Amino acid sequence: MDFKKFGAKRLVVWLVVGLLGGGIAADLWERQRSARDLADVKIQQAEQLKDAQAKIDWLTKDLDAERHRREALEGLLADLRKGS
């Protein structure tokens, strides 16, 4: 009878140790996965920022070109009005 109590206590102790060890291992794994995901998100954001900056630069150049065209047309219209 004494051996059964000892075996049961030992089983419970190993079960608790296993659960704690498993919890710690799962926590470490989750932290590593989260860190990896965070690094991936940072890379994606950097690429999106780079793409957005390139688009802003392109739109700025396009806007400047349109502004120059408008000024040229306004100058041409002003010359035509003076001439008439």
Protein backbone atom coordinates (compact mmCIF):
# COMPACT_ATOMS: atom_id res chain seq x y z
CA MET A 1 0.00 0.00 0.00
CA ASP A 2 2.82 2.35 0.85
CA PHE A 3 4.36 1.69 -2.56
CA LYS A 4 1.14 2.73 -4.34
CA LYS A 5 1.03 6.08 -2.49
CA PHE A 6 4.68 6.67 -3.29
CA GLY A 7 4.08 5.84 -6.97
CA ALA A 8 1.00 8.08 -7.12
CA LYS A 9 2.85 11.00 -5.53
CA ARG A 10 5.76 10.50 -7.87
CA LEU A 11 3.43 10.43 -10.85
CA VAL A 12 1.73 13.65 -9.74
CA VAL A 13 5.08 15.38 -9.19
CA TRP A 14 6.33 14.35 -12.66
CA LEU A 15 3.04 15.43 -14.19
CA VAL A 16 3.34 18.90 -12.62
CA VAL A 17 7.01 19.15 -13.67
CA GLY A 18 6.05 18.12 -17.21
CA LEU A 19 3.27 20.68 -17.37
CA LEU A 20 5.55 23.45 -16.12
CA GLY A 21 8.31 22.43 -18.54
CA GLY A 22 5.84 22.29 -21.41
CA GLY A 23 4.46 25.70 -20.51
CA ILE A 24 7.92 27.21 -20.41
CA ALA A 25 8.84 25.59 -23.73
CA ALA A 26 5.61 26.84 -25.33
CA ASP A 27 6.26 30.35 -24.02
CA LEU A 28 9.78 30.38 -25.44
CA TRP A 29 8.54 29.07 -28.79
CA GLU A 30 5.79 31.72 -28.90
CA ARG A 31 8.26 34.49 -28.10
CA GLN A 32 10.59 33.35 -30.88
CA ARG A 33 7.71 33.18 -33.34
CA SER A 34 6.51 36.64 -32.30
CA ALA A 35 10.00 38.09 -32.70
CA ARG A 36 10.27 36.53 -36.17
CA ASP A 37 6.84 37.87 -37.15
CA LEU A 38 7.77 41.32 -35.86
CA ALA A 39 10.96 41.32 -37.93
CA ASP A 40 8.96 40.32 -41.02
CA VAL A 41 6.46 43.13 -40.41
CA LYS A 42 9.27 45.66 -40.02
CA ILE A 43 10.76 44.56 -43.34
CA GLN A 44 7.36 44.80 -45.06
CA GLN A 45 6.78 48.28 -43.62
CA ALA A 46 10.20 49.43 -44.79
CA GLU A 47 9.43 48.18 -48.30
CA GLN A 48 6.01 49.86 -48.27
CA LEU A 49 7.59 53.11 -47.07
CA LYS A 50 10.18 52.91 -49.85
CA ASP A 51 7.45 52.30 -52.46
CA ALA A 52 5.34 55.16 -51.07
CA GLN A 53 8.32 57.52 -51.13
CA ALA A 54 9.05 56.60 -54.76
CA LYS A 55 5.41 57.24 -55.67
CA ILE A 56 5.46 60.59 -53.86
CA ASP A 57 8.61 61.58 -55.74
CA TRP A 58 7.04 60.55 -59.06
CA LEU A 59 3.83 62.46 -58.30
CA THR A 60 5.81 65.53 -57.24
CA LYS A 61 7.71 65.52 -60.55
CA ASP A 62 4.45 65.03 -62.44
CA LEU A 63 2.86 67.91 -60.54
CA ASP A 64 5.82 70.17 -61.31
CA ALA A 65 5.56 69.28 -65.00
CA GLU A 66 1.83 70.08 -65.00
CA ARG A 67 2.53 73.38 -63.21
CA HIS A 68 5.07 74.34 -65.88
CA ARG A 69 2.61 73.45 -68.64
CA ARG A 70 -0.12 75.51 -67.00
CA GLU A 71 2.21 78.50 -66.58
CA ALA A 72 3.28 78.21 -70.21
CA LEU A 73 -0.34 78.08 -71.37
CA GLU A 74 -1.30 81.01 -69.14
CA GLY A 75 1.64 82.98 -70.54
CA LEU A 76 0.57 82.13 -74.08
CA LEU A 77 -3.02 83.17 -73.35
CA ALA A 78 -1.82 86.43 -71.81
CA ASP A 79 0.25 87.16 -74.93
CA LEU A 80 -2.72 86.39 -77.17
CA ARG A 81 -4.97 88.71 -75.16
CA LYS A 82 -2.42 91.50 -75.34
CA GLY A 83 -2.16 91.06 -79.08
CA SER A 84 -5.89 91.37 -79.69
